[in-house]
């Protein structure tokens, strides 16, 4: 390489959704959000809520603006840099670029994120200091636990984008996370998804009511049998 890259590059002024756009996703199940995006949008299932076993919904349900920290393997320099520009309601999304068996963050840093108003922390790496992070009450989504320490040498980038959990995520996207997983709503699709969610919620509520009242049919299957697309055999 002719020119060495900067150790840390921070992009502060990326496009951000409005507060009203973020609020539109509050209380919406991740499944509904995926349904509004052709059934897609979730990160891979290895990324799970760290505090699911507590049964405290506030520890594994969150909505916020993605602030992407792109680290190298076993690195956290970008994650540290994210704290510098974090705004209240942001969710730090820490990419570890394949780094395994090394913590992506611990209790002290999560405490600082909470103090600055972060709405959560998402990573495709592991965490450490379970009890200490639990005390901060910061919703955390990760692949597991490891007490091994990371490094902070760089190069690293904050405020851009990265692939995390098999899903491209850009700073300024909306993150919706709950017990079922983490969903990325691309910035360019926010209004479209909000509009579609209303229809999906209404349809789901109506079906829930029918099921509670004893409904147990699959009309689509009956229609396939009736028009010959499916048949019943002995």
Protein backbone atom coordinates (compact mmCIF):
# COMPACT_ATOMS: atom_id res chain seq x y z
CA UNK A 1 0.00 0.00 0.00
CA UNK A 2 1.52 3.32 -1.12
CA UNK A 3 -0.32 5.44 1.45
CA UNK A 4 -1.20 4.27 4.93
CA UNK A 5 -4.89 4.83 5.76
CA UNK A 6 -5.85 6.99 8.74
CA UNK A 7 -5.99 5.00 11.95
CA UNK A 8 -9.55 6.21 12.50
CA UNK A 9 -11.98 7.87 10.06
CA UNK A 10 -15.16 9.39 11.51
CA UNK A 11 -18.08 10.54 9.37
CA UNK A 12 -20.26 12.69 11.55
CA UNK A 13 -22.83 14.14 9.15
CA UNK A 14 -24.57 11.14 7.63
CA UNK A 15 -28.30 11.35 6.78
CA UNK A 16 -30.50 10.69 9.79
CA UNK A 17 -34.19 9.79 10.08
CA UNK A 18 -36.49 12.16 11.91
CA UNK A 19 -37.62 11.54 15.45
CA UNK A 20 -41.13 10.89 14.11
CA UNK A 21 -39.83 8.23 11.72
CA UNK A 22 -38.02 6.44 14.55
CA UNK A 23 -41.04 6.70 16.84
CA UNK A 24 -43.23 5.03 14.20
CA UNK A 25 -41.40 1.75 14.91
CA UNK A 26 -41.85 1.83 18.69
CA UNK A 27 -43.79 -1.21 19.87
CA UNK A 28 -43.81 -2.83 16.41
CA UNK A 29 -42.73 -6.52 16.43
CA UNK A 30 -39.69 -7.31 14.31
CA UNK A 31 -41.75 -9.85 12.37
CA UNK A 32 -44.11 -7.11 11.18
CA UNK A 33 -41.14 -5.00 10.08
CA UNK A 34 -39.71 -7.89 8.06
CA UNK A 35 -43.12 -8.56 6.50
CA UNK A 36 -43.15 -4.93 5.35
CA UNK A 37 -39.86 -5.62 3.51
CA UNK A 38 -40.88 -8.75 1.59
CA UNK A 39 -40.11 -10.98 4.58
CA UNK A 40 -36.49 -9.85 4.86
CA UNK A 41 -34.34 -7.45 6.86
CA UNK A 42 -33.20 -9.46 9.89
CA UNK A 43 -29.60 -10.13 10.82
CA UNK A 44 -28.62 -13.78 11.15
CA UNK A 45 -29.96 -15.62 14.18
CA UNK A 46 -26.50 -15.95 15.77
CA UNK A 47 -27.00 -12.36 16.93
CA UNK A 48 -29.28 -12.72 19.97
CA UNK A 49 -30.44 -10.54 22.86
CA UNK A 50 -27.91 -10.91 25.65
CA UNK A 51 -30.52 -10.55 28.40
CA UNK A 52 -33.38 -12.62 27.00
CA UNK A 53 -33.31 -14.95 30.01
CA UNK A 54 -34.15 -12.10 32.39
CA UNK A 55 -37.68 -11.84 31.05
CA UNK A 56 -37.36 -8.05 31.28
CA UNK A 57 -38.65 -6.82 27.91
CA UNK A 58 -36.96 -3.42 28.29
CA UNK A 59 -33.57 -5.19 28.14
CA UNK A 60 -34.19 -6.82 24.77
CA UNK A 61 -36.57 -4.50 22.93
CA UNK A 62 -35.29 -1.30 21.35
CA UNK A 63 -35.56 1.02 18.36
CA UNK A 64 -33.00 3.58 17.25
CA UNK A 65 -30.74 5.06 14.59
CA UNK A 66 -27.83 2.89 13.45
CA UNK A 67 -24.37 4.28 14.13
CA UNK A 68 -22.05 1.83 12.41
CA UNK A 69 -18.59 1.14 13.81
CA UNK A 70 -16.51 -0.88 11.35
CA UNK A 71 -13.71 -2.59 13.27
CA UNK A 72 -11.05 -5.00 12.16
CA UNK A 73 -11.01 -8.52 13.66
CA UNK A 74 -10.41 -8.40 17.43
CA UNK A 75 -10.50 -4.59 17.24
CA UNK A 76 -12.71 -1.97 18.93
CA UNK A 77 -11.20 1.33 17.80
CA UNK A 78 -14.24 2.18 15.66
CA UNK A 79 -16.56 1.33 18.54
CA UNK A 80 -14.61 3.71 20.76
CA UNK A 81 -14.83 6.38 18.07
CA UNK A 82 -18.60 5.92 17.83
CA UNK A 83 -18.99 7.21 21.38
CA UNK A 84 -17.47 10.51 20.25
CA UNK A 85 -20.33 11.30 17.83
CA UNK A 86 -23.17 9.28 19.36
CA UNK A 87 -26.49 11.10 19.66
CA UNK A 88 -29.27 10.23 22.07
CA UNK A 89 -31.31 7.33 20.69
CA UNK A 90 -28.51 5.91 18.54
CA UNK A 91 -27.78 2.19 18.47
CA UNK A 92 -24.10 1.41 17.98
CA UNK A 93 -23.72 -1.40 15.44
CA UNK A 94 -20.21 -2.82 15.86
CA UNK A 95 -18.88 -4.89 12.96
CA UNK A 96 -16.04 -7.22 13.98
CA UNK A 97 -15.21 -8.43 10.45
CA UNK A 98 -15.01 -12.09 11.38
CA UNK A 99 -13.21 -11.65 14.68
CA UNK A 100 -14.17 -14.45 17.09
CA UNK A 101 -13.43 -15.41 20.69
CA UNK A 102 -12.80 -11.79 21.59
CA UNK A 103 -15.09 -9.30 23.30
CA UNK A 104 -16.56 -6.47 21.23
CA UNK A 105 -17.34 -4.44 24.37
CA UNK A 106 -17.64 -4.71 28.12
CA UNK A 107 -19.46 -3.20 31.06
CA UNK A 108 -17.60 0.11 31.35
CA UNK A 109 -18.03 1.03 27.71
CA UNK A 110 -21.69 -0.01 27.79
CA UNK A 111 -22.09 2.19 30.85
CA UNK A 112 -20.66 5.14 28.92
CA UNK A 113 -23.00 4.42 26.00
CA UNK A 114 -25.94 4.39 28.38
CA UNK A 115 -24.77 7.62 30.02
CA UNK A 116 -24.67 9.34 26.63
CA UNK A 117 -28.17 8.16 25.70
CA UNK A 118 -27.56 5.15 23.47
CA UNK A 119 -30.63 3.02 22.79
CA UNK A 120 -28.65 -0.19 22.42
CA UNK A 121 -25.59 -2.04 21.18
CA UNK A 122 -25.53 -4.60 18.37
CA UNK A 123 -22.51 -6.64 17.30
CA UNK A 124 -21.59 -9.73 15.34
CA UNK A 125 -18.98 -10.43 18.01
CA UNK A 126 -19.05 -11.46 21.65
CA UNK A 127 -19.33 -9.43 24.84
CA UNK A 128 -17.82 -9.69 28.29
CA UNK A 129 -18.75 -8.58 31.84
CA UNK A 130 -22.31 -9.91 31.74
CA UNK A 131 -23.24 -8.80 35.27
CA UNK A 132 -21.77 -5.34 34.80
CA UNK A 133 -23.55 -4.78 31.49
CA UNK A 134 -26.80 -5.95 33.05
CA UNK A 135 -26.43 -3.22 35.68
CA UNK A 136 -26.28 -0.59 32.92
CA UNK A 137 -29.64 -1.78 31.53
CA UNK A 138 -28.43 -1.19 27.99
CA UNK A 139 -30.13 -3.54 25.48
CA UNK A 140 -27.35 -5.63 23.92
CA UNK A 141 -27.49 -8.05 20.99
CA UNK A 142 -24.45 -10.23 20.28
CA UNK A 143 -23.26 -13.74 19.40
CA UNK A 144 -22.22 -14.81 22.91
CA UNK A 145 -19.69 -14.14 25.65
CA UNK A 146 -15.90 -14.13 25.75
CA UNK A 147 -13.61 -12.66 28.44
CA UNK A 148 -10.76 -12.16 25.97
CA UNK A 149 -9.73 -8.54 25.46
CA UNK A 150 -9.74 -6.73 22.07
CA UNK A 151 -7.21 -4.27 20.64
CA UNK A 152 -7.59 -0.69 19.41
CA UNK A 153 -4.93 -0.20 16.77
CA UNK A 154 -7.07 0.42 13.66
CA UNK A 155 -7.60 1.18 10.89
CA UNK A 156 -11.27 1.74 11.63
CA UNK A 157 -14.26 3.70 10.33
CA UNK A 158 -17.29 5.21 12.05
CA UNK A 159 -20.43 6.61 10.45
CA UNK A 160 -20.27 4.66 7.22
CA UNK A 161 -21.61 1.12 6.72
CA UNK A 162 -20.70 -2.53 7.11
CA UNK A 163 -22.08 -6.02 6.77
CA UNK A 164 -23.21 -7.22 10.20
CA UNK A 165 -24.88 -10.57 10.71
CA UNK A 166 -25.16 -11.07 6.95
CA UNK A 167 -27.06 -7.81 6.54
CA UNK A 168 -25.77 -4.56 5.04
CA UNK A 169 -26.35 -1.73 7.49
CA UNK A 170 -25.54 1.95 6.99
CA UNK A 171 -25.33 4.69 9.55
CA UNK A 172 -28.71 6.41 9.48
CA UNK A 173 -30.71 3.22 8.95
CA UNK A 174 -33.25 2.33 11.62
CA UNK A 175 -32.64 -0.67 13.88
CA UNK A 176 -35.63 -2.50 15.34
CA UNK A 177 -34.73 -5.27 17.80
CA UNK A 178 -36.62 -7.56 20.13
CA UNK A 179 -36.58 -11.12 21.52
CA UNK A 180 -36.80 -12.47 17.94
CA UNK A 181 -33.75 -10.67 16.58
CA UNK A 182 -32.38 -7.53 14.98
CA UNK A 183 -33.90 -5.94 11.85
CA UNK A 184 -32.37 -3.24 9.64
CA UNK A 185 -34.68 -0.75 7.91
CA UNK A 186 -32.68 1.00 5.16
CA UNK A 187 -32.83 4.79 5.29
CA UNK A 188 -34.23 4.94 1.75
CA UNK A 189 -37.16 2.67 2.66
CA UNK A 190 -38.22 4.13 6.00
CA UNK A 191 -41.40 5.91 4.85
CA UNK A 192 -42.42 3.00 2.62
CA UNK A 193 -42.05 0.53 5.49
CA UNK A 194 -43.94 2.77 7.91
CA UNK A 195 -46.86 2.96 5.48
CA UNK A 196 -46.92 -0.80 4.97
CA UNK A 197 -46.64 -1.64 8.66
CA UNK A 198 -50.07 -0.11 9.32
CA UNK A 199 -51.67 -2.54 6.87
CA UNK A 200 -49.74 -5.50 8.27
CA UNK A 201 -50.62 -4.66 11.87
CA UNK A 202 -54.32 -4.41 11.03
CA UNK A 203 -54.27 -7.75 9.19
CA UNK A 204 -52.34 -9.47 12.00
CA UNK A 205 -54.68 -8.09 14.67
CA UNK A 206 -57.72 -9.32 12.75
CA UNK A 207 -56.24 -12.80 12.32
CA UNK A 208 -55.24 -12.94 16.00
CA UNK A 209 -58.83 -12.24 16.96
CA UNK A 210 -60.12 -14.98 14.65
CA UNK A 211 -57.65 -17.52 16.07
CA UNK A 212 -58.63 -16.63 19.64
CA UNK A 213 -62.22 -17.33 18.62
CA UNK A 214 -61.39 -20.79 17.31
CA UNK A 215 -60.39 -20.25 13.67
CA UNK A 216 -58.35 -23.21 12.37
CA UNK A 217 -58.50 -23.15 8.58
CA UNK A 218 -56.05 -22.49 5.74
CA UNK A 219 -58.26 -21.00 2.99
CA UNK A 220 -55.32 -20.89 0.55
CA UNK A 221 -54.91 -24.67 0.77
CA UNK A 222 -58.64 -25.26 0.31
CA UNK A 223 -58.54 -23.01 -2.77
CA UNK A 224 -55.59 -24.95 -4.24
CA UNK A 225 -57.46 -28.23 -3.80
CA UNK A 226 -60.61 -26.76 -5.30
CA UNK A 227 -58.91 -25.49 -8.48
CA UNK A 228 -56.68 -28.50 -9.01
CA UNK A 229 -53.31 -27.02 -8.01
CA UNK A 230 -53.23 -29.54 -5.15
CA UNK A 231 -54.82 -32.92 -4.63
CA UNK A 232 -55.44 -35.31 -1.79
CA UNK A 233 -54.32 -38.91 -2.31
CA UNK A 234 -54.73 -42.10 -0.28
